[in-house]
Amino acid sequence: MLKWILLTVAIGAEVFATLCLRASDGFTKPLPVAGLALGFCTALYLESVVIRLALPVAITYAIWAGAGIALVAIVSRDPLNVAMVVGMALIAAGVCVVSVAHAHA
């Protein structure tokens, strides 16, 4: 259970850092730059802990990347079109396929 909580926090930190990246205005604003550095370092550290807790790298990264993409798209409030939503659905389907394939391996 702990590994899933840590992975969720890692995803949140990565989303936070990505949003800070946009707010940094090309690394010209110090506070968002500090936020993105802290967010990405936290996300990577927590992902390493999750992997050490025996969640396979392929599963960890697939969930982390897929959830991060979807959450950034939603939270950023950038306009989404049908093709973008379909692409995110395909990413989610890919995460499911990787998870199922790993479970049967």
PDB file of N, CA and C in Angstrom:
ATOM      1  N   MET A   1       0.816  -1.194   0.000  1.00  0.00           N
ATOM      2  CA  MET A   1       0.000   0.000   0.000  1.00  0.00           C
ATOM      3  C   MET A   1       0.865   1.267   0.000  1.00  0.00           C
ATOM      4  N   LEU A   2       1.957   1.220   0.775  1.00  0.00           N
ATOM      5  CA  LEU A   2       2.841   2.385   0.861  1.00  0.00           C
ATOM      6  C   LEU A   2       3.384   2.777  -0.510  1.00  0.00           C
ATOM      7  N   LYS A   3       3.761   1.780  -1.316  1.00  0.00           N
ATOM      8  CA  LYS A   3       4.330   2.100  -2.625  1.00  0.00           C
ATOM      9  C   LYS A   3       3.332   2.844  -3.503  1.00  0.00           C
ATOM     10  N   TRP A   4       2.047   2.527  -3.398  1.00  0.00           N
ATOM     11  CA  TRP A   4       1.035   3.215  -4.211  1.00  0.00           C
ATOM     12  C   TRP A   4       0.815   4.643  -3.722  1.00  0.00           C
ATOM     13  N   ILE A   5       0.882   4.838  -2.419  1.00  0.00           N
ATOM     14  CA  ILE A   5       0.758   6.199  -1.860  1.00  0.00           C
ATOM     15  C   ILE A   5       1.945   7.042  -2.305  1.00  0.00           C
ATOM     16  N   LEU A   6       3.141   6.479  -2.202  1.00  0.00           N
ATOM     17  CA  LEU A   6       4.342   7.219  -2.616  1.00  0.00           C
ATOM     18  C   LEU A   6       4.329   7.516  -4.106  1.00  0.00           C
ATOM     19  N   LEU A   7       3.839   6.574  -4.910  1.00  0.00           N
ATOM     20  CA  LEU A   7       3.746   6.820  -6.348  1.00  0.00           C
ATOM     21  C   LEU A   7       2.755   7.944  -6.634  1.00  0.00           C
ATOM     22  N   THR A   8       1.659   7.986  -5.912  1.00  0.00           N
ATOM     23  CA  THR A   8       0.672   9.059  -6.075  1.00  0.00           C
ATOM     24  C   THR A   8       1.276  10.416  -5.717  1.00  0.00           C
ATOM     25  N   VAL A   9       2.032  10.464  -4.632  1.00  0.00           N
ATOM     26  CA  VAL A   9       2.696  11.717  -4.234  1.00  0.00           C
ATOM     27  C   VAL A   9       3.744  12.108  -5.278  1.00  0.00           C
ATOM     28  N   ALA A  10       4.465  11.128  -5.813  1.00  0.00           N
ATOM     29  CA  ALA A  10       5.464  11.407  -6.854  1.00  0.00           C
ATOM     30  C   ALA A  10       4.794  12.005  -8.089  1.00  0.00           C
ATOM     31  N   ILE A  11       3.658  11.475  -8.463  1.00  0.00           N
ATOM     32  CA  ILE A  11       2.921  12.008  -9.617  1.00  0.00           C
ATOM     33  C   ILE A  11       2.474  13.437  -9.333  1.00  0.00           C
ATOM     34  N   GLY A  12       1.979  13.677  -8.137  1.00  0.00           N
ATOM     35  CA  GLY A  12       1.575  15.037  -7.762  1.00  0.00           C
ATOM     36  C   GLY A  12       2.738  16.008  -7.805  1.00  0.00           C
ATOM     37  N   ALA A  13       3.902  15.574  -7.328  1.00  0.00           N
ATOM     38  CA  ALA A  13       5.095  16.433  -7.349  1.00  0.00           C
ATOM     39  C   ALA A  13       5.523  16.729  -8.778  1.00  0.00           C
ATOM     40  N   GLU A  14       5.426  15.735  -9.649  1.00  0.00           N
ATOM     41  CA  GLU A  14       5.796  15.933 -11.057  1.00  0.00           C
ATOM     42  C   GLU A  14       4.836  16.890 -11.753  1.00  0.00           C
ATOM     43  N   VAL A  15       3.557  16.770 -11.466  1.00  0.00           N
ATOM     44  CA  VAL A  15       2.569  17.685 -12.048  1.00  0.00           C
ATOM     45  C   VAL A  15       2.818  19.099 -11.542  1.00  0.00           C
ATOM     46  N   PHE A  16       3.060  19.238 -10.243  1.00  0.00           N
ATOM     47  CA  PHE A  16       3.377  20.549  -9.667  1.00  0.00           C
ATOM     48  C   PHE A  16       4.592  21.166 -10.358  1.00  0.00           C
ATOM     49  N   ALA A  17       5.647  20.362 -10.516  1.00  0.00           N
ATOM     50  CA  ALA A  17       6.873  20.858 -11.145  1.00  0.00           C
ATOM     51  C   ALA A  17       6.628  21.278 -12.590  1.00  0.00           C
ATOM     52  N   THR A  18       5.844  20.509 -13.313  1.00  0.00           N
ATOM     53  CA  THR A  18       5.559  20.847 -14.701  1.00  0.00           C
ATOM     54  C   THR A  18       4.784  22.155 -14.799  1.00  0.00           C
ATOM     55  N   LEU A  19       3.841  22.362 -13.898  1.00  0.00           N
ATOM     56  CA  LEU A  19       3.100  23.629 -13.898  1.00  0.00           C
ATOM     57  C   LEU A  19       4.005  24.793 -13.501  1.00  0.00           C
ATOM     58  N   CYS A  20       4.955  24.547 -12.595  1.00  0.00           N
ATOM     59  CA  CYS A  20       5.938  25.578 -12.244  1.00  0.00           C
ATOM     60  C   CYS A  20       6.829  25.912 -13.437  1.00  0.00           C
ATOM     61  N   LEU A  21       7.099  24.918 -14.269  1.00  0.00           N
ATOM     62  CA  LEU A  21       7.922  25.151 -15.457  1.00  0.00           C
ATOM     63  C   LEU A  21       7.290  26.207 -16.344  1.00  0.00           C
ATOM     64  N   ARG A  22       5.983  26.096 -16.550  1.00  0.00           N
ATOM     65  CA  ARG A  22       5.294  27.103 -17.360  1.00  0.00           C
ATOM     66  C   ARG A  22       5.316  28.462 -16.657  1.00  0.00           C
ATOM     67  N   ALA A  23       5.097  28.458 -15.347  1.00  0.00           N
ATOM     68  CA  ALA A  23       5.065  29.708 -14.586  1.00  0.00           C
ATOM     69  C   ALA A  23       6.437  30.371 -14.493  1.00  0.00           C
ATOM     70  N   SER A  24       7.507  29.611 -14.719  1.00  0.00           N
ATOM     71  CA  SER A  24       8.856  30.165 -14.585  1.00  0.00           C
ATOM     72  C   SER A  24       9.198  31.138 -15.706  1.00  0.00           C
ATOM     73  N   ASP A  25       8.412  31.138 -16.760  1.00  0.00           N
ATOM     74  CA  ASP A  25       8.609  32.064 -17.889  1.00  0.00           C
ATOM     75  C   ASP A  25      10.039  31.990 -18.411  1.00  0.00           C
ATOM     76  N   GLY A  26      10.415  30.779 -18.815  1.00  0.00           N
ATOM     77  CA  GLY A  26      11.762  30.587 -19.365  1.00  0.00           C
ATOM     78  C   GLY A  26      12.855  30.710 -18.316  1.00  0.00           C
ATOM     79  N   PHE A  27      12.587  30.231 -17.107  1.00  0.00           N
ATOM     80  CA  PHE A  27      13.544  30.271 -15.996  1.00  0.00           C
ATOM     81  C   PHE A  27      13.906  31.706 -15.596  1.00  0.00           C
ATOM     82  N   THR A  28      12.995  32.641 -15.787  1.00  0.00           N
ATOM     83  CA  THR A  28      13.271  34.031 -15.419  1.00  0.00           C
ATOM     84  C   THR A  28      12.655  34.427 -14.081  1.00  0.00           C
ATOM     85  N   LYS A  29      11.803  33.572 -13.515  1.00  0.00           N
ATOM     86  CA  LYS A  29      11.160  33.876 -12.235  1.00  0.00           C
ATOM     87  C   LYS A  29      11.663  32.876 -11.189  1.00  0.00           C
ATOM     88  N   PRO A  30      12.376  33.370 -10.190  1.00  0.00           N
ATOM     89  CA  PRO A  30      13.052  32.477  -9.237  1.00  0.00           C
ATOM     90  C   PRO A  30      12.129  31.548  -8.441  1.00  0.00           C
ATOM     91  N   LEU A  31      10.989  32.021  -7.979  1.00  0.00           N
ATOM     92  CA  LEU A  31      10.124  31.184  -7.153  1.00  0.00           C
ATOM     93  C   LEU A  31       9.587  29.969  -7.932  1.00  0.00           C
ATOM     94  N   PRO A  32       9.048  30.148  -9.138  1.00  0.00           N
ATOM     95  CA  PRO A  32       8.636  28.957  -9.895  1.00  0.00           C
ATOM     96  C   PRO A  32       9.803  28.035 -10.255  1.00  0.00           C
ATOM     97  N   VAL A  33      10.983  28.593 -10.500  1.00  0.00           N
ATOM     98  CA  VAL A  33      12.154  27.760 -10.793  1.00  0.00           C
ATOM     99  C   VAL A  33      12.491  26.894  -9.574  1.00  0.00           C
ATOM    100  N   ALA A  34      12.426  27.491  -8.387  1.00  0.00           N
ATOM    101  CA  ALA A  34      12.673  26.719  -7.161  1.00  0.00           C
ATOM    102  C   ALA A  34      11.601  25.639  -6.993  1.00  0.00           C
ATOM    103  N   GLY A  35      10.360  25.981  -7.305  1.00  0.00           N
ATOM    104  CA  GLY A  35       9.275  25.006  -7.213  1.00  0.00           C
ATOM    105  C   GLY A  35       9.458  23.844  -8.166  1.00  0.00           C
ATOM    106  N   LEU A  36       9.890  24.141  -9.390  1.00  0.00           N
ATOM    107  CA  LEU A  36      10.065  23.044 -10.346  1.00  0.00           C
ATOM    108  C   LEU A  36      11.249  22.169  -9.967  1.00  0.00           C
ATOM    109  N   ALA A  37      12.314  22.761  -9.450  1.00  0.00           N
ATOM    110  CA  ALA A  37      13.462  21.956  -9.009  1.00  0.00           C
ATOM    111  C   ALA A  37      13.060  21.052  -7.843  1.00  0.00           C
ATOM    112  N   LEU A  38      12.356  21.610  -6.883  1.00  0.00           N
ATOM    113  CA  LEU A  38      11.915  20.831  -5.731  1.00  0.00           C
ATOM    114  C   LEU A  38      10.928  19.745  -6.164  1.00  0.00           C
ATOM    115  N   GLY A  39       9.996  20.099  -7.047  1.00  0.00           N
ATOM    116  CA  GLY A  39       9.001  19.134  -7.501  1.00  0.00           C
ATOM    117  C   GLY A  39       9.611  17.968  -8.264  1.00  0.00           C
ATOM    118  N   PHE A  40      10.497  18.260  -9.220  1.00  0.00           N
ATOM    119  CA  PHE A  40      11.106  17.183  -9.991  1.00  0.00           C
ATOM    120  C   PHE A  40      12.029  16.325  -9.133  1.00  0.00           C
ATOM    121  N   CYS A  41      12.790  16.943  -8.243  1.00  0.00           N
ATOM    122  CA  CYS A  41      13.672  16.157  -7.362  1.00  0.00           C
ATOM    123  C   CYS A  41      12.843  15.259  -6.444  1.00  0.00           C
ATOM    124  N   THR A  42      11.760  15.792  -5.900  1.00  0.00           N
ATOM    125  CA  THR A  42      10.876  14.996  -5.048  1.00  0.00           C
ATOM    126  C   THR A  42      10.273  13.837  -5.826  1.00  0.00           C
ATOM    127  N   ALA A  43       9.780  14.124  -7.036  1.00  0.00           N
ATOM    128  CA  ALA A  43       9.162  13.086  -7.861  1.00  0.00           C
ATOM    129  C   ALA A  43      10.148  11.971  -8.186  1.00  0.00           C
ATOM    130  N   LEU A  44      11.348  12.333  -8.584  1.00  0.00           N
ATOM    131  CA  LEU A  44      12.336  11.315  -8.936  1.00  0.00           C
ATOM    132  C   LEU A  44      12.780  10.512  -7.720  1.00  0.00           C
ATOM    133  N   TYR A  45      12.954  11.188  -6.597  1.00  0.00           N
ATOM    134  CA  TYR A  45      13.332  10.466  -5.380  1.00  0.00           C
ATOM    135  C   TYR A  45      12.246   9.464  -4.988  1.00  0.00           C
ATOM    136  N   LEU A  46      10.990   9.936  -4.971  1.00  0.00           N
ATOM    137  CA  LEU A  46       9.900   9.047  -4.582  1.00  0.00           C
ATOM    138  C   LEU A  46       9.727   7.895  -5.564  1.00  0.00           C
ATOM    139  N   GLU A  47       9.931   8.161  -6.843  1.00  0.00           N
ATOM    140  CA  GLU A  47       9.845   7.076  -7.817  1.00  0.00           C
ATOM    141  C   GLU A  47      10.933   6.029  -7.537  1.00  0.00           C
ATOM    142  N   SER A  48      12.120   6.482  -7.165  1.00  0.00           N
ATOM    143  CA  SER A  48      13.191   5.527  -6.846  1.00  0.00           C
ATOM    144  C   SER A  48      12.836   4.702  -5.618  1.00  0.00           C
ATOM    145  N   VAL A  49      12.175   5.318  -4.653  1.00  0.00           N
ATOM    146  CA  VAL A  49      11.754   4.578  -3.461  1.00  0.00           C
ATOM    147  C   VAL A  49      10.703   3.535  -3.832  1.00  0.00           C
ATOM    148  N   VAL A  50       9.756   3.929  -4.676  1.00  0.00           N
ATOM    149  CA  VAL A  50       8.713   2.995  -5.113  1.00  0.00           C
ATOM    150  C   VAL A  50       9.332   1.799  -5.827  1.00  0.00           C
ATOM    151  N   ILE A  51      10.307   2.042  -6.668  1.00  0.00           N
ATOM    152  CA  ILE A  51      10.983   0.953  -7.375  1.00  0.00           C
ATOM    153  C   ILE A  51      11.726   0.062  -6.378  1.00  0.00           C
ATOM    154  N   ARG A  52      12.339   0.660  -5.374  1.00  0.00           N
ATOM    155  CA  ARG A  52      13.036  -0.116  -4.346  1.00  0.00           C
ATOM    156  C   ARG A  52      12.057  -0.960  -3.528  1.00  0.00           C
ATOM    157  N   LEU A  53      10.800  -0.490  -3.418  1.00  0.00           N
ATOM    158  CA  LEU A  53       9.771  -1.241  -2.696  1.00  0.00           C
ATOM    159  C   LEU A  53       9.154  -2.350  -3.559  1.00  0.00           C
ATOM    160  N   ALA A  54       9.804  -2.660  -4.661  1.00  0.00           N
ATOM    161  CA  ALA A  54       9.481  -3.818  -5.503  1.00  0.00           C
ATOM    162  C   ALA A  54       8.338  -3.607  -6.491  1.00  0.00           C
ATOM    163  N   LEU A  55       8.011  -2.365  -6.821  1.00  0.00           N
ATOM    164  CA  LEU A  55       7.098  -2.147  -7.946  1.00  0.00           C
ATOM    165  C   LEU A  55       7.978  -2.059  -9.189  1.00  0.00           C
ATOM    166  N   PRO A  56       7.735  -2.880 -10.191  1.00  0.00           N
ATOM    167  CA  PRO A  56       8.618  -2.924 -11.365  1.00  0.00           C
ATOM    168  C   PRO A  56       8.740  -1.566 -12.060  1.00  0.00           C
ATOM    169  N   VAL A  57       9.912  -1.317 -12.598  1.00  0.00           N
ATOM    170  CA  VAL A  57      10.194  -0.045 -13.265  1.00  0.00           C
ATOM    171  C   VAL A  57       9.203   0.225 -14.392  1.00  0.00           C
ATOM    172  N   ALA A  58       8.906  -0.779 -15.199  1.00  0.00           N
ATOM    173  CA  ALA A  58       7.992  -0.576 -16.329  1.00  0.00           C
ATOM    174  C   ALA A  58       6.615  -0.127 -15.852  1.00  0.00           C
ATOM    175  N   ILE A  59       6.125  -0.738 -14.796  1.00  0.00           N
ATOM    176  CA  ILE A  59       4.813  -0.378 -14.253  1.00  0.00           C
ATOM    177  C   ILE A  59       4.868   1.007 -13.623  1.00  0.00           C
ATOM    178  N   THR A  60       5.887   1.228 -12.808  1.00  0.00           N
ATOM    179  CA  THR A  60       6.037   2.523 -12.128  1.00  0.00           C
ATOM    180  C   THR A  60       6.088   3.664 -13.127  1.00  0.00           C
ATOM    181  N   TYR A  61       6.927   3.518 -14.125  1.00  0.00           N
ATOM    182  CA  TYR A  61       7.104   4.608 -15.085  1.00  0.00           C
ATOM    183  C   TYR A  61       5.875   4.792 -15.963  1.00  0.00           C
ATOM    184  N   ALA A  62       5.251   3.708 -16.358  1.00  0.00           N
ATOM    185  CA  ALA A  62       4.052   3.817 -17.194  1.00  0.00           C
ATOM    186  C   ALA A  62       2.949   4.561 -16.457  1.00  0.00           C
ATOM    187  N   ILE A  63       2.722   4.205 -15.214  1.00  0.00           N
ATOM    188  CA  ILE A  63       1.680   4.882 -14.431  1.00  0.00           C
ATOM    189  C   ILE A  63       2.063   6.329 -14.180  1.00  0.00           C
ATOM    190  N   TRP A  64       3.313   6.561 -13.816  1.00  0.00           N
ATOM    191  CA  TRP A  64       3.789   7.909 -13.510  1.00  0.00           C
ATOM    192  C   TRP A  64       3.653   8.820 -14.731  1.00  0.00           C
ATOM    193  N   ALA A  65       4.124   8.363 -15.865  1.00  0.00           N
ATOM    194  CA  ALA A  65       4.070   9.179 -17.080  1.00  0.00           C
ATOM    195  C   ALA A  65       2.643   9.375 -17.558  1.00  0.00           C
ATOM    196  N   GLY A  66       1.873   8.305 -17.601  1.00  0.00           N
ATOM    197  CA  GLY A  66       0.495   8.407 -18.088  1.00  0.00           C
ATOM    198  C   GLY A  66      -0.360   9.308 -17.217  1.00  0.00           C
ATOM    199  N   ALA A  67      -0.292   9.105 -15.907  1.00  0.00           N
ATOM    200  CA  ALA A  67      -1.076   9.938 -14.992  1.00  0.00           C
ATOM    201  C   ALA A  67      -0.595  11.385 -15.038  1.00  0.00           C
ATOM    202  N   GLY A  68       0.717  11.572 -15.138  1.00  0.00           N
ATOM    203  CA  GLY A  68       1.263  12.934 -15.213  1.00  0.00           C
ATOM    204  C   GLY A  68       0.761  13.682 -16.435  1.00  0.00           C
ATOM    205  N   ILE A  69       0.762  13.023 -17.582  1.00  0.00           N
ATOM    206  CA  ILE A  69       0.281  13.660 -18.813  1.00  0.00           C
ATOM    207  C   ILE A  69      -1.183  14.048 -18.673  1.00  0.00           C
ATOM    208  N   ALA A  70      -1.994  13.117 -18.205  1.00  0.00           N
ATOM    209  CA  ALA A  70      -3.426  13.396 -18.079  1.00  0.00           C
ATOM    210  C   ALA A  70      -3.701  14.510 -17.071  1.00  0.00           C
ATOM    211  N   LEU A  71      -3.043  14.455 -15.926  1.00  0.00           N
ATOM    212  CA  LEU A  71      -3.280  15.468 -14.900  1.00  0.00           C
ATOM    213  C   LEU A  71      -2.800  16.853 -15.331  1.00  0.00           C
ATOM    214  N   VAL A  72      -1.651  16.925 -15.974  1.00  0.00           N
ATOM    215  CA  VAL A  72      -1.170  18.223 -16.456  1.00  0.00           C
ATOM    216  C   VAL A  72      -2.150  18.791 -17.478  1.00  0.00           C
ATOM    217  N   ALA A  73      -2.647  17.948 -18.361  1.00  0.00           N
ATOM    218  CA  ALA A  73      -3.611  18.409 -19.364  1.00  0.00           C
ATOM    219  C   ALA A  73      -4.882  18.948 -18.708  1.00  0.00           C
ATOM    220  N   ILE A  74      -5.328  18.285 -17.652  1.00  0.00           N
ATOM    221  CA  ILE A  74      -6.553  18.721 -16.966  1.00  0.00           C
ATOM    222  C   ILE A  74      -6.310  19.955 -16.115  1.00  0.00           C
ATOM    223  N   VAL A  75      -5.274  19.922 -15.297  1.00  0.00           N
ATOM    224  CA  VAL A  75      -5.015  21.001 -14.340  1.00  0.00           C
ATOM    225  C   VAL A  75      -4.564  22.287 -15.025  1.00  0.00           C
ATOM    226  N   SER A  76      -3.855  22.179 -16.134  1.00  0.00           N
ATOM    227  CA  SER A  76      -3.335  23.370 -16.805  1.00  0.00           C
ATOM    228  C   SER A  76      -4.430  24.202 -17.460  1.00  0.00           C
ATOM    229  N   ARG A  77      -5.584  23.606 -17.650  1.00  0.00           N
ATOM    230  CA  ARG A  77      -6.739  24.274 -18.275  1.00  0.00           C
ATOM    231  C   ARG A  77      -6.456  24.718 -19.706  1.00  0.00           C
ATOM    232  N   ASP A  78      -5.462  24.095 -20.325  1.00  0.00           N
ATOM    233  CA  ASP A  78      -5.239  24.337 -21.747  1.00  0.00           C
ATOM    234  C   ASP A  78      -6.388  23.686 -22.514  1.00  0.00           C
ATOM    235  N   PRO A  79      -6.784  24.260 -23.633  1.00  0.00           N
ATOM    236  CA  PRO A  79      -7.887  23.654 -24.380  1.00  0.00           C
ATOM    237  C   PRO A  79      -7.505  22.279 -24.928  1.00  0.00           C
ATOM    238  N   LEU A  80      -8.438  21.346 -24.815  1.00  0.00           N
ATOM    239  CA  LEU A  80      -8.224  19.993 -25.316  1.00  0.00           C
ATOM    240  C   LEU A  80      -9.177  19.746 -26.484  1.00  0.00           C
ATOM    241  N   ASN A  81      -8.692  19.036 -27.481  1.00  0.00           N
ATOM    242  CA  ASN A  81      -9.580  18.647 -28.573  1.00  0.00           C
ATOM    243  C   ASN A  81      -9.757  17.125 -28.535  1.00  0.00           C
ATOM    244  N   VAL A  82     -10.580  16.621 -29.413  1.00  0.00           N
ATOM    245  CA  VAL A  82     -10.894  15.197 -29.408  1.00  0.00           C
ATOM    246  C   VAL A  82      -9.640  14.351 -29.607  1.00  0.00           C
ATOM    247  N   ALA A  83      -8.779  14.756 -30.513  1.00  0.00           N
ATOM    248  CA  ALA A  83      -7.565  13.976 -30.777  1.00  0.00           C
ATOM    249  C   ALA A  83      -6.689  13.884 -29.531  1.00  0.00           C
ATOM    250  N   MET A  84      -6.603  14.964 -28.772  1.00  0.00           N
ATOM    251  CA  MET A  84      -5.791  14.945 -27.557  1.00  0.00           C
ATOM    252  C   MET A  84      -6.390  14.004 -26.507  1.00  0.00           C
ATOM    253  N   VAL A  85      -7.701  14.036 -26.373  1.00  0.00           N
ATOM    254  CA  VAL A  85      -8.369  13.155 -25.412  1.00  0.00           C
ATOM    255  C   VAL A  85      -8.202  11.693 -25.832  1.00  0.00           C
ATOM    256  N   VAL A  86      -8.331  11.427 -27.125  1.00  0.00           N
ATOM    257  CA  VAL A  86      -8.123  10.067 -27.629  1.00  0.00           C
ATOM    258  C   VAL A  86      -6.685   9.623 -27.360  1.00  0.00           C
ATOM    259  N   GLY A  87      -5.722  10.510 -27.572  1.00  0.00           N
ATOM    260  CA  GLY A  87      -4.328  10.181 -27.298  1.00  0.00           C
ATOM    261  C   GLY A  87      -4.102   9.835 -25.843  1.00  0.00           C
ATOM    262  N   MET A  88      -4.704  10.601 -24.932  1.00  0.00           N
ATOM    263  CA  MET A  88      -4.561  10.298 -23.504  1.00  0.00           C
ATOM    264  C   MET A  88      -5.249   8.985 -23.160  1.00  0.00           C
ATOM    265  N   ALA A  89      -6.355   8.678 -23.804  1.00  0.00           N
ATOM    266  CA  ALA A  89      -7.031   7.397 -23.585  1.00  0.00           C
ATOM    267  C   ALA A  89      -6.144   6.246 -24.054  1.00  0.00           C
ATOM    268  N   LEU A  90      -5.452   6.451 -25.170  1.00  0.00           N
ATOM    269  CA  LEU A  90      -4.535   5.417 -25.661  1.00  0.00           C
ATOM    270  C   LEU A  90      -3.363   5.209 -24.705  1.00  0.00           C
ATOM    271  N   ILE A  91      -2.886   6.288 -24.108  1.00  0.00           N
ATOM    272  CA  ILE A  91      -1.818   6.169 -23.108  1.00  0.00           C
ATOM    273  C   ILE A  91      -2.324   5.354 -21.918  1.00  0.00           C
ATOM    274  N   ALA A  92      -3.542   5.664 -21.458  1.00  0.00           N
ATOM    275  CA  ALA A  92      -4.123   4.912 -20.337  1.00  0.00           C
ATOM    276  C   ALA A  92      -4.281   3.438 -20.702  1.00  0.00           C
ATOM    277  N   ALA A  93      -4.715   3.174 -21.925  1.00  0.00           N
ATOM    278  CA  ALA A  93      -4.850   1.786 -22.375  1.00  0.00           C
ATOM    279  C   ALA A  93      -3.485   1.102 -22.400  1.00  0.00           C
ATOM    280  N   GLY A  94      -2.460   1.815 -22.830  1.00  0.00           N
ATOM    281  CA  GLY A  94      -1.110   1.262 -22.842  1.00  0.00           C
ATOM    282  C   GLY A  94      -0.622   0.921 -21.456  1.00  0.00           C
ATOM    283  N   VAL A  95      -0.920   1.773 -20.489  1.00  0.00           N
ATOM    284  CA  VAL A  95      -0.542   1.491 -19.095  1.00  0.00           C
ATOM    285  C   VAL A  95      -1.228   0.214 -18.628  1.00  0.00           C
ATOM    286  N   CYS A  96      -2.504   0.057 -18.974  1.00  0.00           N
ATOM    287  CA  CYS A  96      -3.235  -1.155 -18.597  1.00  0.00           C
ATOM    288  C   CYS A  96      -2.623  -2.397 -19.243  1.00  0.00           C
ATOM    289  N   VAL A  97      -2.265  -2.298 -20.513  1.00  0.00           N
ATOM    290  CA  VAL A  97      -1.670  -3.437 -21.215  1.00  0.00           C
ATOM    291  C   VAL A  97      -0.342  -3.816 -20.572  1.00  0.00           C
ATOM    292  N   VAL A  98       0.485  -2.835 -20.253  1.00  0.00           N
ATOM    293  CA  VAL A  98       1.774  -3.120 -19.614  1.00  0.00           C
ATOM    294  C   VAL A  98       1.550  -3.783 -18.255  1.00  0.00           C
ATOM    295  N   SER A  99       0.597  -3.284 -17.491  1.00  0.00           N
ATOM    296  CA  SER A  99       0.306  -3.854 -16.171  1.00  0.00           C
ATOM    297  C   SER A  99      -0.167  -5.296 -16.270  1.00  0.00           C
ATOM    298  N   VAL A 100      -1.086  -5.556 -17.188  1.00  0.00           N
ATOM    299  CA  VAL A 100      -1.608  -6.916 -17.355  1.00  0.00           C
ATOM    300  C   VAL A 100      -0.510  -7.846 -17.861  1.00  0.00           C
ATOM    301  N   ALA A 101       0.266  -7.378 -18.819  1.00  0.00           N
ATOM    302  CA  ALA A 101       1.331  -8.205 -19.372  1.00  0.00           C
ATOM    303  C   ALA A 101       2.357  -8.554 -18.289  1.00  0.00           C
ATOM    304  N   HIS A 102       2.653  -7.601 -17.429  1.00  0.00           N
ATOM    305  CA  HIS A 102       3.615  -7.869 -16.356  1.00  0.00           C
ATOM    306  C   HIS A 102       3.043  -8.864 -15.356  1.00  0.00           C
ATOM    307  N   ALA A 103       1.754  -8.765 -15.079  1.00  0.00           N
ATOM    308  CA  ALA A 103       1.124  -9.676 -14.123  1.00  0.00           C
ATOM    309  C   ALA A 103       1.142 -11.118 -14.640  1.00  0.00           C
ATOM    310  N   HIS A 104       1.064 -11.283 -15.956  1.00  0.00           N
ATOM    311  CA  HIS A 104       1.056 -12.625 -16.540  1.00  0.00           C
ATOM    312  C   HIS A 104       2.457 -13.154 -16.842  1.00  0.00           C
ATOM    313  N   ALA A 105       3.458 -12.310 -16.708  1.00  0.00           N
ATOM    314  CA  ALA A 105       4.834 -12.733 -17.030  1.00  0.00           C
ATOM    315  C   ALA A 105       5.431 -13.571 -15.942  1.00  0.00           C
TER     316      ALA A 105
END
